[in-house]
Structures are given as C-alpha cells and as structure tokens.
C-alpha cells in the first residue's frame, strides 16, 4: 500500500464578514457566498473523487463547505475538526499524518496563513507555473490547491508532494 498515490486538496474558506464578534463565528460575506459555489463547481469539474473532508469548525469554513459541496454529485464524508482553526503548516502536517491509509483523496477546508503555508511546504515540485502562480496570488479566499504524493499519510512531509492544480475565483 506504500506505493499508493494520494491526493490532498486544500480549500481556503470564502471571503468572510468583518465584525466585532468572535472570530471563530464570522459568517461569509456576499462575495464568499458567491465564490464558494464556484469553488464547488471547479471541484466537480476536476474529476477528483474525495474520500474524506476535514473542515474547520469555524462558521466561515462550514458555510464555504456547505455551498461548495452542494455543487458536487455526491457529498463525501465530512469531519469537522477543531484543530484546523488557526493551524500552522506544521500542525496541518501532523493532522495529515493521522489520516487513515484507506483514504486516497483528502480535502481540507481551512484558513490562511496555514493552508497556503502547507501547500507551499508540501510542493516539492509543481506542474508548469502553478507554484509561482499560487505564491503570487497569496492563496486568496475560496482558492484551491491540489497536491499528490506517493506513500502513506504518515509519511507526508515537506517537499513530498507535487502541486498539480491551483484555482482561485478572481485570479
């Protein structure tokens, strides 16, 4: 099973409202409510079949995933994970290392700067100009990065993956 190719899709939550309330409970702004379904349509058109979704418990991530998932033919199993909120790239790698090897394709719905830092750290190589494009963009809200690697989730580490896709709604 160690030669299995695995895919990690990273989805940053949609544009959120700024308010005086608790950051964790910030809802999507109007633009986020428009961009999240567009991200879902991109995912649906990618042909990637997701086995498991790990989604931050933050309101803006849950709302982004709900809107994006509505565009998919079939909603994958979803686990809402508190540890994704404000997670660093290192903390995200630790979460990836816990994923069961029966999962071939994992989608993570999370936050910057962690999601961008993770994509950049994992991408030891990239197709075409994807890596500079992703880094130039700053990984905007509702952006998606697709990375693949060979081996076990326990072996995910810096530079182990290939960036094979990057999409952002306004890029």
N, C-alpha and C. Protein backbone atom coordinates (compact mmCIF):
# COMPACT_ATOMS: atom_id res chain seq x y z
N UNK A 1 0.82 -1.21 0.00
CA UNK A 1 0.00 0.00 0.00
C UNK A 1 0.86 1.27 0.00
N UNK A 2 2.15 1.13 0.28
CA UNK A 2 3.01 2.30 0.37
C UNK A 2 3.21 3.00 -0.98
N UNK A 3 2.90 2.31 -2.08
CA UNK A 3 3.06 2.92 -3.39
C UNK A 3 1.79 3.60 -3.89
N UNK A 4 0.79 3.71 -3.04
CA UNK A 4 -0.48 4.33 -3.41
C UNK A 4 -0.29 5.83 -3.61
N UNK A 5 -0.84 6.34 -4.71
CA UNK A 5 -0.83 7.78 -4.94
C UNK A 5 -2.00 8.38 -4.19
N UNK A 6 -1.73 9.41 -3.42
CA UNK A 6 -2.74 10.09 -2.62
C UNK A 6 -2.84 11.55 -3.06
N UNK A 7 -4.02 12.09 -2.88
CA UNK A 7 -4.28 13.48 -3.27
C UNK A 7 -4.75 14.26 -2.07
N UNK A 8 -4.23 15.47 -1.95
CA UNK A 8 -4.66 16.42 -0.93
C UNK A 8 -5.19 17.64 -1.67
N UNK A 9 -6.44 17.97 -1.43
CA UNK A 9 -6.99 19.20 -1.98
C UNK A 9 -7.21 20.16 -0.82
N UNK A 10 -6.65 21.35 -0.97
CA UNK A 10 -6.77 22.38 0.07
C UNK A 10 -7.71 23.46 -0.44
N UNK A 11 -8.73 23.77 0.33
CA UNK A 11 -9.70 24.81 0.00
C UNK A 11 -9.69 25.83 1.12
N UNK A 12 -9.35 27.06 0.78
CA UNK A 12 -9.43 28.14 1.77
C UNK A 12 -10.88 28.62 1.82
N UNK A 13 -11.35 28.91 3.01
CA UNK A 13 -12.72 29.39 3.17
C UNK A 13 -12.98 30.64 2.33
N UNK A 14 -14.25 30.89 2.04
CA UNK A 14 -14.64 32.07 1.28
C UNK A 14 -14.46 33.35 2.07
N UNK A 15 -14.57 34.46 1.37
CA UNK A 15 -14.44 35.80 1.99
C UNK A 15 -15.45 35.93 3.13
N UNK A 16 -14.96 36.33 4.29
CA UNK A 16 -15.81 36.43 5.48
C UNK A 16 -16.10 37.87 5.85
N UNK A 17 -17.19 38.06 6.56
CA UNK A 17 -17.56 39.37 7.10
C UNK A 17 -16.58 39.73 8.21
N UNK A 18 -16.32 41.02 8.33
CA UNK A 18 -15.57 41.51 9.49
C UNK A 18 -16.59 42.02 10.47
N UNK A 19 -16.48 41.56 11.71
CA UNK A 19 -17.40 42.05 12.73
C UNK A 19 -16.68 42.16 14.06
N UNK A 20 -17.39 42.67 15.05
CA UNK A 20 -16.79 42.85 16.37
C UNK A 20 -16.96 41.61 17.24
N UNK A 21 -17.61 40.58 16.70
CA UNK A 21 -17.85 39.36 17.46
C UNK A 21 -16.64 38.45 17.46
N UNK A 22 -16.88 37.24 17.88
CA UNK A 22 -15.83 36.23 17.97
C UNK A 22 -15.39 35.81 16.56
N UNK A 23 -14.08 35.78 16.32
CA UNK A 23 -13.54 35.45 15.01
C UNK A 23 -14.04 34.08 14.52
N UNK A 24 -14.10 33.11 15.40
CA UNK A 24 -14.50 31.76 15.03
C UNK A 24 -15.90 31.72 14.42
N UNK A 25 -16.75 32.66 14.79
CA UNK A 25 -18.15 32.65 14.34
C UNK A 25 -18.44 33.61 13.19
N UNK A 26 -17.39 34.20 12.58
CA UNK A 26 -17.62 35.12 11.46
C UNK A 26 -18.25 34.40 10.28
N UNK A 27 -19.37 34.92 9.73
CA UNK A 27 -20.01 34.30 8.57
C UNK A 27 -19.36 34.76 7.27
N UNK A 28 -19.74 34.10 6.18
CA UNK A 28 -19.26 34.53 4.87
C UNK A 28 -19.89 35.86 4.49
N UNK A 29 -19.10 36.66 3.77
CA UNK A 29 -19.60 37.90 3.17
C UNK A 29 -20.32 37.52 1.87
N UNK A 30 -20.97 38.46 1.25
CA UNK A 30 -21.69 38.19 0.00
C UNK A 30 -20.75 37.58 -1.05
N UNK A 31 -19.54 38.15 -1.19
CA UNK A 31 -18.60 37.61 -2.18
C UNK A 31 -18.24 36.16 -1.85
N UNK A 32 -18.08 35.83 -0.57
CA UNK A 32 -17.78 34.46 -0.17
C UNK A 32 -18.92 33.52 -0.51
N UNK A 33 -20.16 33.99 -0.38
CA UNK A 33 -21.32 33.16 -0.71
C UNK A 33 -21.44 32.94 -2.22
N UNK A 34 -20.83 33.81 -3.03
CA UNK A 34 -20.80 33.63 -4.49
C UNK A 34 -19.61 32.76 -4.91
N UNK A 35 -18.47 32.95 -4.25
CA UNK A 35 -17.25 32.24 -4.65
C UNK A 35 -17.24 30.78 -4.21
N UNK A 36 -17.85 30.45 -3.08
CA UNK A 36 -17.83 29.07 -2.58
C UNK A 36 -18.50 28.10 -3.56
N UNK A 37 -19.69 28.43 -4.11
CA UNK A 37 -20.26 27.51 -5.11
C UNK A 37 -19.38 27.41 -6.36
N UNK A 38 -18.71 28.49 -6.74
CA UNK A 38 -17.79 28.44 -7.89
C UNK A 38 -16.65 27.46 -7.60
N UNK A 39 -16.16 27.48 -6.36
CA UNK A 39 -15.12 26.52 -5.97
C UNK A 39 -15.67 25.10 -6.06
N UNK A 40 -16.90 24.91 -5.63
CA UNK A 40 -17.53 23.60 -5.73
C UNK A 40 -17.66 23.13 -7.17
N UNK A 41 -18.02 24.06 -8.06
CA UNK A 41 -18.13 23.70 -9.48
C UNK A 41 -16.76 23.32 -10.04
N UNK A 42 -15.70 24.04 -9.62
CA UNK A 42 -14.35 23.69 -10.07
C UNK A 42 -14.00 22.28 -9.58
N UNK A 43 -14.30 22.00 -8.31
CA UNK A 43 -14.03 20.67 -7.76
C UNK A 43 -14.80 19.60 -8.53
N UNK A 44 -16.08 19.87 -8.81
CA UNK A 44 -16.91 18.91 -9.54
C UNK A 44 -16.35 18.65 -10.93
N UNK A 45 -15.85 19.68 -11.58
CA UNK A 45 -15.29 19.55 -12.92
C UNK A 45 -13.91 18.96 -12.97
N UNK A 46 -13.23 18.90 -11.83
CA UNK A 46 -11.86 18.40 -11.79
C UNK A 46 -11.78 16.89 -11.98
N UNK A 47 -12.88 16.20 -11.73
CA UNK A 47 -12.86 14.75 -11.83
C UNK A 47 -12.28 14.06 -10.62
N UNK A 48 -11.86 14.82 -9.62
CA UNK A 48 -11.30 14.24 -8.40
C UNK A 48 -12.44 13.74 -7.51
N UNK A 49 -12.33 12.53 -7.03
CA UNK A 49 -13.34 11.96 -6.14
C UNK A 49 -12.79 11.94 -4.73
N UNK A 50 -13.37 12.74 -3.87
CA UNK A 50 -12.89 12.90 -2.50
C UNK A 50 -13.44 11.79 -1.60
N UNK A 51 -12.55 11.19 -0.80
CA UNK A 51 -12.96 10.16 0.15
C UNK A 51 -13.36 10.75 1.50
N UNK A 52 -12.67 11.81 1.89
CA UNK A 52 -12.88 12.39 3.22
C UNK A 52 -12.62 13.88 3.15
N UNK A 53 -13.44 14.65 3.87
CA UNK A 53 -13.25 16.09 4.01
C UNK A 53 -12.99 16.38 5.48
N UNK A 54 -11.92 17.10 5.75
CA UNK A 54 -11.68 17.65 7.08
C UNK A 54 -11.95 19.13 6.98
N UNK A 55 -12.92 19.62 7.75
CA UNK A 55 -13.35 21.02 7.67
C UNK A 55 -13.20 21.67 9.03
N UNK A 56 -12.61 22.85 9.04
CA UNK A 56 -12.52 23.63 10.27
C UNK A 56 -13.92 23.87 10.82
N UNK A 57 -14.01 23.96 12.14
CA UNK A 57 -15.30 24.22 12.78
C UNK A 57 -15.71 25.69 12.71
N UNK A 58 -14.83 26.56 12.21
CA UNK A 58 -15.18 27.99 12.10
C UNK A 58 -16.38 28.14 11.17
N UNK A 59 -17.27 29.08 11.50
CA UNK A 59 -18.51 29.28 10.74
C UNK A 59 -18.22 29.51 9.26
N UNK A 60 -17.19 30.30 8.92
CA UNK A 60 -16.91 30.62 7.53
C UNK A 60 -16.45 29.39 6.74
N UNK A 61 -15.79 28.46 7.40
CA UNK A 61 -15.37 27.22 6.73
C UNK A 61 -16.55 26.28 6.55
N UNK A 62 -17.36 26.14 7.59
CA UNK A 62 -18.55 25.27 7.48
C UNK A 62 -19.47 25.77 6.38
N UNK A 63 -19.67 27.09 6.30
CA UNK A 63 -20.54 27.67 5.28
C UNK A 63 -19.94 27.50 3.88
N UNK A 64 -18.63 27.71 3.76
CA UNK A 64 -17.95 27.51 2.48
C UNK A 64 -18.15 26.07 2.00
N UNK A 65 -17.91 25.10 2.90
CA UNK A 65 -18.04 23.70 2.51
C UNK A 65 -19.47 23.36 2.14
N UNK A 66 -20.44 23.86 2.89
CA UNK A 66 -21.85 23.58 2.59
C UNK A 66 -22.19 24.06 1.17
N UNK A 67 -21.76 25.27 0.82
CA UNK A 67 -22.05 25.83 -0.50
C UNK A 67 -21.27 25.12 -1.61
N UNK A 68 -20.02 24.78 -1.35
CA UNK A 68 -19.20 24.08 -2.35
C UNK A 68 -19.71 22.66 -2.56
N UNK A 69 -20.02 21.97 -1.47
CA UNK A 69 -20.46 20.57 -1.55
C UNK A 69 -21.78 20.44 -2.29
N UNK A 70 -22.61 21.47 -2.24
CA UNK A 70 -23.90 21.44 -2.94
C UNK A 70 -23.71 21.32 -4.45
N UNK A 71 -22.52 21.65 -4.97
CA UNK A 71 -22.24 21.58 -6.40
C UNK A 71 -21.71 20.21 -6.82
N UNK A 72 -21.44 19.34 -5.87
CA UNK A 72 -20.88 18.03 -6.16
C UNK A 72 -21.99 17.01 -6.39
N UNK A 73 -21.72 16.02 -7.22
CA UNK A 73 -22.70 14.96 -7.49
C UNK A 73 -22.98 14.16 -6.22
N UNK A 74 -21.95 13.97 -5.39
CA UNK A 74 -22.10 13.22 -4.15
C UNK A 74 -21.25 13.88 -3.08
N UNK A 75 -21.86 14.11 -1.93
CA UNK A 75 -21.13 14.74 -0.82
C UNK A 75 -20.27 13.70 -0.10
N UNK A 76 -18.96 13.95 -0.01
CA UNK A 76 -18.09 13.00 0.68
C UNK A 76 -18.30 13.05 2.20
N UNK A 77 -17.83 12.02 2.86
CA UNK A 77 -17.86 12.00 4.34
C UNK A 77 -17.09 13.22 4.85
N UNK A 78 -17.69 13.93 5.80
CA UNK A 78 -17.10 15.16 6.31
C UNK A 78 -16.91 15.06 7.81
N UNK A 79 -15.73 15.45 8.27
CA UNK A 79 -15.42 15.51 9.69
C UNK A 79 -15.06 16.95 10.01
N UNK A 80 -15.75 17.53 11.00
CA UNK A 80 -15.45 18.90 11.42
C UNK A 80 -14.40 18.83 12.51
N UNK A 81 -13.28 19.50 12.24
CA UNK A 81 -12.08 19.34 13.06
C UNK A 81 -11.67 20.67 13.69
N UNK A 82 -11.77 20.75 15.03
CA UNK A 82 -11.40 21.96 15.78
C UNK A 82 -9.95 22.37 15.54
N UNK A 83 -9.07 21.38 15.38
CA UNK A 83 -7.63 21.67 15.28
C UNK A 83 -7.25 22.38 13.97
N UNK A 84 -8.16 22.44 13.01
CA UNK A 84 -7.86 23.16 11.76
C UNK A 84 -7.91 24.67 11.95
N UNK A 85 -8.66 25.13 12.95
CA UNK A 85 -8.80 26.57 13.19
C UNK A 85 -7.47 27.13 13.67
N UNK A 86 -6.94 28.11 12.92
CA UNK A 86 -5.67 28.78 13.22
C UNK A 86 -4.47 27.84 13.22
N UNK A 87 -4.57 26.71 12.52
CA UNK A 87 -3.46 25.74 12.48
C UNK A 87 -2.32 26.24 11.61
N UNK A 88 -1.11 25.99 12.08
CA UNK A 88 0.10 26.30 11.30
C UNK A 88 0.33 25.17 10.30
N UNK A 89 1.26 25.37 9.39
CA UNK A 89 1.59 24.32 8.42
C UNK A 89 2.04 23.05 9.14
N UNK A 90 2.84 23.19 10.18
CA UNK A 90 3.31 22.03 10.95
C UNK A 90 2.16 21.30 11.62
N UNK A 91 1.22 22.04 12.18
CA UNK A 91 0.06 21.41 12.81
C UNK A 91 -0.81 20.71 11.76
N UNK A 92 -0.90 21.29 10.57
CA UNK A 92 -1.67 20.67 9.49
C UNK A 92 -1.00 19.38 9.02
N UNK A 93 0.33 19.37 8.92
CA UNK A 93 1.04 18.14 8.54
C UNK A 93 0.77 17.06 9.60
N UNK A 94 0.78 17.44 10.89
CA UNK A 94 0.50 16.47 11.95
C UNK A 94 -0.90 15.88 11.79
N UNK A 95 -1.88 16.71 11.40
CA UNK A 95 -3.23 16.20 11.15
C UNK A 95 -3.25 15.26 9.95
N UNK A 96 -2.54 15.62 8.89
CA UNK A 96 -2.47 14.74 7.72
C UNK A 96 -1.87 13.39 8.09
N UNK A 97 -0.88 13.40 8.97
CA UNK A 97 -0.22 12.17 9.39
C UNK A 97 -1.17 11.22 10.13
N UNK A 98 -2.30 11.74 10.62
CA UNK A 98 -3.29 10.92 11.33
C UNK A 98 -4.33 10.29 10.41
N UNK A 99 -4.36 10.70 9.15
CA UNK A 99 -5.39 10.21 8.23
C UNK A 99 -5.17 8.72 7.95
N UNK A 100 -6.25 7.97 7.92
CA UNK A 100 -6.21 6.53 7.66
C UNK A 100 -5.78 6.29 6.22
N UNK A 101 -4.95 5.29 6.02
CA UNK A 101 -4.43 5.00 4.67
C UNK A 101 -5.49 4.47 3.72
N UNK A 102 -6.69 4.18 4.20
CA UNK A 102 -7.77 3.82 3.29
C UNK A 102 -8.25 5.04 2.49
N UNK A 103 -7.90 6.24 2.96
CA UNK A 103 -8.28 7.48 2.28
C UNK A 103 -7.27 7.76 1.18
N UNK A 104 -7.74 7.80 -0.06
CA UNK A 104 -6.86 8.12 -1.19
C UNK A 104 -6.88 9.61 -1.51
N UNK A 105 -8.02 10.26 -1.28
CA UNK A 105 -8.15 11.69 -1.59
C UNK A 105 -8.80 12.41 -0.42
N UNK A 106 -8.04 13.33 0.14
CA UNK A 106 -8.48 14.12 1.29
C UNK A 106 -8.66 15.57 0.86
N UNK A 107 -9.77 16.16 1.25
CA UNK A 107 -9.99 17.59 1.03
C UNK A 107 -9.99 18.28 2.38
N UNK A 108 -9.23 19.35 2.52
CA UNK A 108 -9.15 20.11 3.77
C UNK A 108 -9.70 21.50 3.52
N UNK A 109 -10.68 21.91 4.34
CA UNK A 109 -11.25 23.25 4.26
C UNK A 109 -10.72 24.02 5.47
N UNK A 110 -9.86 25.02 5.20
CA UNK A 110 -9.20 25.69 6.31
C UNK A 110 -8.93 27.16 6.06
N UNK A 111 -7.91 27.65 6.75
CA UNK A 111 -7.63 29.08 6.86
C UNK A 111 -6.22 29.41 6.41
N UNK A 112 -6.03 30.65 6.00
CA UNK A 112 -4.69 31.18 5.82
C UNK A 112 -4.25 31.79 7.15
N UNK A 113 -2.96 31.85 7.42
CA UNK A 113 -1.86 31.52 6.51
C UNK A 113 -1.52 30.03 6.44
N UNK A 114 -2.15 29.21 7.28
CA UNK A 114 -1.78 27.79 7.37
C UNK A 114 -1.96 27.01 6.08
N UNK A 115 -3.10 27.21 5.38
CA UNK A 115 -3.37 26.45 4.16
C UNK A 115 -2.34 26.78 3.08
N UNK A 116 -2.05 28.05 2.90
CA UNK A 116 -1.05 28.45 1.90
C UNK A 116 0.33 27.92 2.29
N UNK A 117 0.68 28.07 3.55
CA UNK A 117 1.99 27.60 4.01
C UNK A 117 2.12 26.08 3.82
N UNK A 118 1.03 25.35 4.06
CA UNK A 118 1.06 23.91 3.87
C UNK A 118 1.26 23.56 2.39
N UNK A 119 0.49 24.18 1.52
CA UNK A 119 0.62 23.92 0.08
C UNK A 119 2.04 24.21 -0.38
N UNK A 120 2.58 25.34 0.04
CA UNK A 120 3.94 25.72 -0.35
C UNK A 120 4.97 24.75 0.20
N UNK A 121 4.79 24.33 1.46
CA UNK A 121 5.75 23.43 2.09
C UNK A 121 5.73 22.04 1.46
N UNK A 122 4.54 21.53 1.15
CA UNK A 122 4.44 20.17 0.60
C UNK A 122 4.92 20.09 -0.84
N UNK A 123 4.76 21.19 -1.59
CA UNK A 123 5.03 21.17 -3.04
C UNK A 123 6.53 21.15 -3.32
N UNK A 124 7.09 19.95 -3.36
CA UNK A 124 8.49 19.79 -3.73
C UNK A 124 8.70 20.04 -5.22
N UNK A 125 7.62 19.85 -5.99
CA UNK A 125 7.64 20.15 -7.42
C UNK A 125 6.24 20.57 -7.82
N UNK A 126 6.14 21.12 -9.01
CA UNK A 126 4.84 21.61 -9.49
C UNK A 126 4.77 21.52 -11.00
N UNK A 127 3.56 21.39 -11.49
CA UNK A 127 3.36 21.42 -12.94
C UNK A 127 3.40 22.86 -13.43
N UNK A 128 4.12 23.06 -14.54
CA UNK A 128 4.16 24.38 -15.17
C UNK A 128 4.48 25.50 -14.21
N UNK A 129 3.66 26.56 -14.28
CA UNK A 129 3.90 27.75 -13.45
C UNK A 129 2.99 27.79 -12.23
N UNK A 130 2.44 26.64 -11.82
CA UNK A 130 1.46 26.61 -10.73
C UNK A 130 2.02 27.15 -9.42
N UNK A 131 3.23 26.75 -9.05
CA UNK A 131 3.78 27.18 -7.77
C UNK A 131 3.99 28.70 -7.72
N UNK A 132 4.65 29.31 -8.72
CA UNK A 132 4.76 30.77 -8.66
C UNK A 132 3.40 31.47 -8.73
N UNK A 133 2.46 30.90 -9.51
CA UNK A 133 1.11 31.50 -9.58
C UNK A 133 0.43 31.46 -8.23
N UNK A 134 0.53 30.32 -7.55
CA UNK A 134 -0.09 30.18 -6.23
C UNK A 134 0.55 31.16 -5.25
N UNK A 135 1.86 31.24 -5.26
CA UNK A 135 2.54 32.11 -4.30
C UNK A 135 2.34 33.59 -4.62
N UNK A 136 2.25 33.93 -5.89
CA UNK A 136 1.98 35.32 -6.28
C UNK A 136 0.59 35.75 -5.81
N UNK A 137 -0.35 34.83 -5.89
CA UNK A 137 -1.74 35.14 -5.55
C UNK A 137 -1.94 35.34 -4.05
N UNK A 138 -1.06 34.76 -3.23
CA UNK A 138 -1.24 34.81 -1.79
C UNK A 138 -2.31 33.86 -1.29
N UNK A 139 -2.78 32.96 -2.15
CA UNK A 139 -3.82 31.97 -1.81
C UNK A 139 -5.08 32.68 -1.30
N UNK A 140 -5.78 33.36 -2.20
CA UNK A 140 -6.95 34.15 -1.80
C UNK A 140 -8.10 33.29 -1.29
N UNK A 141 -9.11 33.94 -0.75
CA UNK A 141 -10.28 33.23 -0.26
C UNK A 141 -10.90 32.42 -1.38
N UNK A 142 -11.42 31.25 -1.03
CA UNK A 142 -12.03 30.27 -1.93
C UNK A 142 -11.05 29.64 -2.92
N UNK A 143 -9.76 29.87 -2.76
CA UNK A 143 -8.76 29.26 -3.63
C UNK A 143 -8.60 27.78 -3.31
N UNK A 144 -8.14 27.03 -4.31
CA UNK A 144 -7.97 25.58 -4.19
C UNK A 144 -6.58 25.22 -4.69
N UNK A 145 -5.89 24.36 -3.93
CA UNK A 145 -4.63 23.76 -4.39
C UNK A 145 -4.79 22.25 -4.35
N UNK A 146 -4.29 21.57 -5.37
CA UNK A 146 -4.35 20.11 -5.44
C UNK A 146 -2.92 19.59 -5.48
N UNK A 147 -2.60 18.72 -4.54
CA UNK A 147 -1.26 18.14 -4.44
C UNK A 147 -1.38 16.62 -4.39
N UNK A 148 -0.38 15.94 -4.91
CA UNK A 148 -0.39 14.49 -4.84
C UNK A 148 0.99 14.01 -4.40
N UNK A 149 0.98 12.84 -3.76
CA UNK A 149 2.22 12.23 -3.31
C UNK A 149 2.02 10.72 -3.31
N UNK A 150 3.11 10.00 -3.22
CA UNK A 150 3.06 8.54 -3.19
C UNK A 150 3.49 8.08 -1.81
N UNK A 151 2.69 7.17 -1.23
CA UNK A 151 3.05 6.63 0.07
C UNK A 151 1.92 6.74 1.06
N UNK A 152 2.28 6.63 2.32
CA UNK A 152 1.33 6.65 3.43
C UNK A 152 1.13 8.08 3.93
N UNK A 153 -0.05 8.33 4.52
CA UNK A 153 -0.30 9.64 5.14
C UNK A 153 0.70 9.91 6.25
N UNK A 154 1.17 8.86 6.90
CA UNK A 154 2.14 9.02 7.99
C UNK A 154 3.47 9.57 7.46
N UNK A 155 3.69 9.41 6.14
CA UNK A 155 4.94 9.86 5.54
C UNK A 155 4.88 11.23 4.89
N UNK A 156 3.72 11.92 5.01
CA UNK A 156 3.62 13.25 4.41
C UNK A 156 4.60 14.18 5.11
N UNK A 157 5.41 14.86 4.32
CA UNK A 157 6.38 15.80 4.90
C UNK A 157 6.70 16.88 3.88
N UNK A 158 7.45 17.88 4.32
CA UNK A 158 7.82 18.99 3.45
C UNK A 158 8.48 18.46 2.18
N UNK A 159 8.04 19.00 1.04
CA UNK A 159 8.62 18.66 -0.24
C UNK A 159 8.19 17.32 -0.82
N UNK A 160 7.26 16.61 -0.15
CA UNK A 160 6.90 15.25 -0.57
C UNK A 160 5.87 15.21 -1.69
N UNK A 161 5.26 16.34 -2.03
CA UNK A 161 4.13 16.31 -2.97
C UNK A 161 4.42 17.11 -4.24
N UNK A 162 3.54 16.91 -5.21
CA UNK A 162 3.59 17.64 -6.48
C UNK A 162 2.31 18.46 -6.57
N UNK A 163 2.46 19.76 -6.79
CA UNK A 163 1.31 20.64 -6.99
C UNK A 163 0.82 20.43 -8.42
N UNK A 164 -0.41 19.90 -8.55
CA UNK A 164 -0.92 19.59 -9.88
C UNK A 164 -2.10 20.47 -10.28
N UNK A 165 -2.59 21.28 -9.35
CA UNK A 165 -3.69 22.17 -9.67
C UNK A 165 -3.75 23.34 -8.73
N UNK A 166 -4.12 24.49 -9.26
CA UNK A 166 -4.37 25.68 -8.44
C UNK A 166 -5.45 26.49 -9.13
N UNK A 167 -6.45 26.89 -8.36
CA UNK A 167 -7.57 27.67 -8.89
C UNK A 167 -7.95 28.72 -7.85
N UNK A 168 -8.27 29.90 -8.31
CA UNK A 168 -8.81 30.95 -7.45
C UNK A 168 -9.90 31.67 -8.23
N UNK A 169 -10.98 32.07 -7.56
CA UNK A 169 -12.13 32.63 -8.27
C UNK A 169 -11.86 33.94 -9.01
N UNK A 170 -10.92 34.73 -8.54
CA UNK A 170 -10.70 36.04 -9.16
C UNK A 170 -9.30 36.19 -9.71
N UNK A 171 -8.62 35.05 -9.94
CA UNK A 171 -7.23 35.14 -10.42
C UNK A 171 -7.16 34.88 -11.92
